[in-house]
Each structure stands twice: as structure tokens, then as C-alpha cells.
Amino acid sequence: MNDSDRDTAYRRFRDAVNMNAGKLERWLDSAQSKAVGQKKSGRAESTGHQSGRRIVALLRKKKSDLSDADFSHMRKVAGYVARHMAQRPSGDVRETKWRYSLMNWGHDPLTR
């Protein structure tokens, strides 16, 4: 991955993830966080919850310490957030699975 691709992935990730590591970590410990998302067969943890734990680690790393695999996950996160924001349901979303799923990926749609 070249420097331009890394810079783009990093910028998009930082734009998509609007929760800091501490807030995301606290969210991931909640019952609401653990109750949403797709779970692979035989696994107790959803894909989004697993991603959230990785996002916490990414947020705590220096940019210079990020690997190509880290940048790849950052691209995945930014893509997920963009796709799901486009599917926003109507009405109050405060206590919806849609919001909770996004929060597992580090994005709280109620935060500006």
C-alpha cells in the first residue's frame, strides 16, 4: 500500500469514527452493544463488536505504527459507516439497532 492510499484510508477512517477510544470501549461493554449485529455460526460475538475492539486498538496507535492490515481495516470501517448511514431509518433513532450497530463500528450518528 502506498503512502497516498494510507493517507486516504486514515483520513476516511478518522472522518467516519466519531467516538474516542474510551467512549467506544465503554459502549462495547454495554448490553445494547452486545445484543446487535450479525454473528457467525458458533460465535458469541458479532462482527461489528469484534471490529469495535479492533477500532479501539487502532485509535490508540500512532499513525506511524499502523500496518497495512490496520489500514485495510480502516477502509472497511469507513465503508461500513458510509453504507449504513445511507440506510438511516426515519424517526427517532436514539434506541435503535441501526444506531447501536453503527456505534459498534465507532460511529454515533447522534454526535456531530
C-alpha atoms as a PDB file:
ATOM      1  CA  MET A   1       0.000   0.000   0.000  1.00  0.00           C
ATOM      2  CA  ASN A   2       1.478   3.349  -0.987  1.00  0.00           C
ATOM      3  CA  ASP A   3       1.584   6.493   1.162  1.00  0.00           C
ATOM      4  CA  SER A   4      -1.284   8.141  -0.702  1.00  0.00           C
ATOM      5  CA  ASP A   5      -3.544   5.111  -0.102  1.00  0.00           C
ATOM      6  CA  ARG A   6      -2.564   5.081   3.576  1.00  0.00           C
ATOM      7  CA  ASP A   7      -3.311   8.800   3.937  1.00  0.00           C
ATOM      8  CA  THR A   8      -6.709   8.388   2.265  1.00  0.00           C
ATOM      9  CA  ALA A   9      -7.633   5.381   4.422  1.00  0.00           C
ATOM     10  CA  TYR A  10      -6.531   7.197   7.570  1.00  0.00           C
ATOM     11  CA  ARG A  11      -8.492  10.360   6.723  1.00  0.00           C
ATOM     12  CA  ARG A  12     -11.670   8.458   5.844  1.00  0.00           C
ATOM     13  CA  PHE A  13     -11.400   6.378   9.000  1.00  0.00           C
ATOM     14  CA  ARG A  14     -10.945   9.474  11.172  1.00  0.00           C
ATOM     15  CA  ASP A  15     -13.931  11.109   9.439  1.00  0.00           C
ATOM     16  CA  ALA A  16     -16.126   8.025   9.971  1.00  0.00           C
ATOM     17  CA  VAL A  17     -15.151   7.193  13.550  1.00  0.00           C
ATOM     18  CA  ASN A  18     -16.501   9.923  15.807  1.00  0.00           C
ATOM     19  CA  MET A  19     -16.174   8.093  19.127  1.00  0.00           C
ATOM     20  CA  ASN A  20     -12.906   8.218  21.035  1.00  0.00           C
ATOM     21  CA  ALA A  21     -11.292   5.023  22.307  1.00  0.00           C
ATOM     22  CA  GLY A  22     -12.597   5.380  25.860  1.00  0.00           C
ATOM     23  CA  LYS A  23     -16.184   6.072  24.832  1.00  0.00           C
ATOM     24  CA  LEU A  24     -16.160   3.216  22.325  1.00  0.00           C
ATOM     25  CA  GLU A  25     -14.662   0.837  24.865  1.00  0.00           C
ATOM     26  CA  ARG A  26     -17.377   1.726  27.418  1.00  0.00           C
ATOM     27  CA  TRP A  27     -20.056   1.286  24.728  1.00  0.00           C
ATOM     28  CA  LEU A  28     -18.706  -2.153  23.789  1.00  0.00           C
ATOM     29  CA  ASP A  29     -19.166  -3.254  27.412  1.00  0.00           C
ATOM     30  CA  SER A  30     -22.902  -2.433  27.312  1.00  0.00           C
ATOM     31  CA  ALA A  31     -25.718  -4.932  26.877  1.00  0.00           C
ATOM     32  CA  GLN A  32     -27.067  -2.940  23.912  1.00  0.00           C
ATOM     33  CA  SER A  33     -23.743  -3.241  22.096  1.00  0.00           C
ATOM     34  CA  LYS A  34     -23.551  -6.976  22.615  1.00  0.00           C
ATOM     35  CA  ALA A  35     -27.154  -7.525  21.501  1.00  0.00           C
ATOM     36  CA  VAL A  36     -26.821  -6.246  17.918  1.00  0.00           C
ATOM     37  CA  GLY A  37     -25.070  -7.362  14.773  1.00  0.00           C
ATOM     38  CA  GLN A  38     -24.530 -10.477  12.746  1.00  0.00           C
ATOM     39  CA  LYS A  39     -22.875 -13.385  14.491  1.00  0.00           C
ATOM     40  CA  LYS A  40     -21.015 -16.048  12.583  1.00  0.00           C
ATOM     41  CA  SER A  41     -22.079 -19.595  13.247  1.00  0.00           C
ATOM     42  CA  GLY A  42     -20.849 -20.765  16.633  1.00  0.00           C
ATOM     43  CA  ARG A  43     -19.536 -17.359  17.712  1.00  0.00           C
ATOM     44  CA  ALA A  44     -20.887 -15.370  20.630  1.00  0.00           C
ATOM     45  CA  GLU A  45     -19.539 -12.041  19.383  1.00  0.00           C
ATOM     46  CA  SER A  46     -20.918 -10.150  16.390  1.00  0.00           C
ATOM     47  CA  THR A  47     -18.718  -8.971  13.538  1.00  0.00           C
ATOM     48  CA  GLY A  48     -19.341  -5.331  14.478  1.00  0.00           C
ATOM     49  CA  HIS A  49     -18.490  -5.889  18.129  1.00  0.00           C
ATOM     50  CA  GLN A  50     -15.259  -7.601  17.150  1.00  0.00           C
ATOM     51  CA  SER A  51     -14.493  -4.723  14.784  1.00  0.00           C
ATOM     52  CA  GLY A  52     -15.172  -2.243  17.590  1.00  0.00           C
ATOM     53  CA  ARG A  53     -12.496  -3.840  19.751  1.00  0.00           C
ATOM     54  CA  ARG A  54     -10.043  -3.542  16.865  1.00  0.00           C
ATOM     55  CA  ILE A  55     -11.054   0.102  16.299  1.00  0.00           C
ATOM     56  CA  VAL A  56     -10.235   0.870  19.953  1.00  0.00           C
ATOM     57  CA  ALA A  57      -6.737  -0.508  19.371  1.00  0.00           C
ATOM     58  CA  LEU A  58      -6.364   1.481  16.126  1.00  0.00           C
ATOM     59  CA  LEU A  59      -7.395   4.706  17.843  1.00  0.00           C
ATOM     60  CA  ARG A  60      -4.695   4.160  20.437  1.00  0.00           C
ATOM     61  CA  LYS A  61      -1.914   3.606  17.890  1.00  0.00           C
ATOM     62  CA  LYS A  62       0.296   6.271  16.392  1.00  0.00           C
ATOM     63  CA  LYS A  63      -0.242   6.646  12.654  1.00  0.00           C
ATOM     64  CA  SER A  64       3.396   5.710  12.077  1.00  0.00           C
ATOM     65  CA  ASP A  65       2.833   2.371  13.880  1.00  0.00           C
ATOM     66  CA  LEU A  66      -0.109   1.264  11.726  1.00  0.00           C
ATOM     67  CA  SER A  67       0.355  -1.762   9.477  1.00  0.00           C
ATOM     68  CA  ASP A  68      -1.105  -2.453   6.047  1.00  0.00           C
ATOM     69  CA  ALA A  69      -3.645  -4.735   7.770  1.00  0.00           C
ATOM     70  CA  ASP A  70      -4.602  -1.832  10.045  1.00  0.00           C
ATOM     71  CA  PHE A  71      -5.131   0.461   7.071  1.00  0.00           C
ATOM     72  CA  SER A  72      -7.181  -2.252   5.370  1.00  0.00           C
ATOM     73  CA  HIS A  73      -9.457  -2.462   8.415  1.00  0.00           C
ATOM     74  CA  MET A  74      -9.728   1.324   8.457  1.00  0.00           C
ATOM     75  CA  ARG A  75     -11.025   1.201   4.869  1.00  0.00           C
ATOM     76  CA  LYS A  76     -13.526  -1.477   5.880  1.00  0.00           C
ATOM     77  CA  VAL A  77     -14.772   0.659   8.785  1.00  0.00           C
ATOM     78  CA  ALA A  78     -15.180   3.785   6.648  1.00  0.00           C
ATOM     79  CA  GLY A  79     -17.086   1.782   4.031  1.00  0.00           C
ATOM     80  CA  TYR A  80     -19.397   0.210   6.601  1.00  0.00           C
ATOM     81  CA  VAL A  81     -20.211   3.568   8.177  1.00  0.00           C
ATOM     82  CA  ALA A  82     -20.914   5.176   4.790  1.00  0.00           C
ATOM     83  CA  ARG A  83     -23.200   2.338   3.660  1.00  0.00           C
ATOM     84  CA  HIS A  84     -25.175   2.218   6.890  1.00  0.00           C
ATOM     85  CA  MET A  85     -25.539   5.972   7.212  1.00  0.00           C
ATOM     86  CA  ALA A  86     -27.219   5.865   3.793  1.00  0.00           C
ATOM     87  CA  GLN A  87     -29.785   3.444   5.261  1.00  0.00           C
ATOM     88  CA  ARG A  88     -30.873   5.711   8.123  1.00  0.00           C
ATOM     89  CA  PRO A  89     -34.408   4.836   9.206  1.00  0.00           C
ATOM     90  CA  SER A  90     -36.993   7.546   9.626  1.00  0.00           C
ATOM     91  CA  GLY A  91     -37.988   8.861  13.014  1.00  0.00           C
ATOM     92  CA  ASP A  92     -36.163   8.838  16.303  1.00  0.00           C
ATOM     93  CA  VAL A  93     -33.065   6.623  16.047  1.00  0.00           C
ATOM     94  CA  ARG A  94     -31.791   7.024  19.624  1.00  0.00           C
ATOM     95  CA  GLU A  95     -32.639   3.496  20.757  1.00  0.00           C
ATOM     96  CA  THR A  96     -32.467   1.549  17.511  1.00  0.00           C
ATOM     97  CA  LYS A  97     -30.449  -1.439  16.402  1.00  0.00           C
ATOM     98  CA  TRP A  98     -29.348   0.695  13.437  1.00  0.00           C
ATOM     99  CA  ARG A  99     -27.658   3.221  15.740  1.00  0.00           C
ATOM    100  CA  TYR A 100     -26.267   0.582  18.073  1.00  0.00           C
ATOM    101  CA  SER A 101     -24.725  -1.304  15.166  1.00  0.00           C
ATOM    102  CA  LEU A 102     -23.043   1.863  13.892  1.00  0.00           C
ATOM    103  CA  MET A 103     -21.757   2.592  17.369  1.00  0.00           C
ATOM    104  CA  ASN A 104     -20.096  -0.832  17.454  1.00  0.00           C
ATOM    105  CA  TRP A 105     -18.140   0.419  14.428  1.00  0.00           C
ATOM    106  CA  GLY A 106     -17.150   3.622  16.239  1.00  0.00           C
ATOM    107  CA  HIS A 107     -19.740   5.984  14.767  1.00  0.00           C
ATOM    108  CA  ASP A 108     -22.529   7.531  16.809  1.00  0.00           C
ATOM    109  CA  PRO A 109     -24.952   9.105  14.302  1.00  0.00           C
ATOM    110  CA  LEU A 110     -26.277  11.424  17.023  1.00  0.00           C
ATOM    111  CA  THR A 111     -22.848  13.007  17.537  1.00  0.00           C
ATOM    112  CA  ARG A 112     -21.971  15.934  15.335  1.00  0.00           C
END
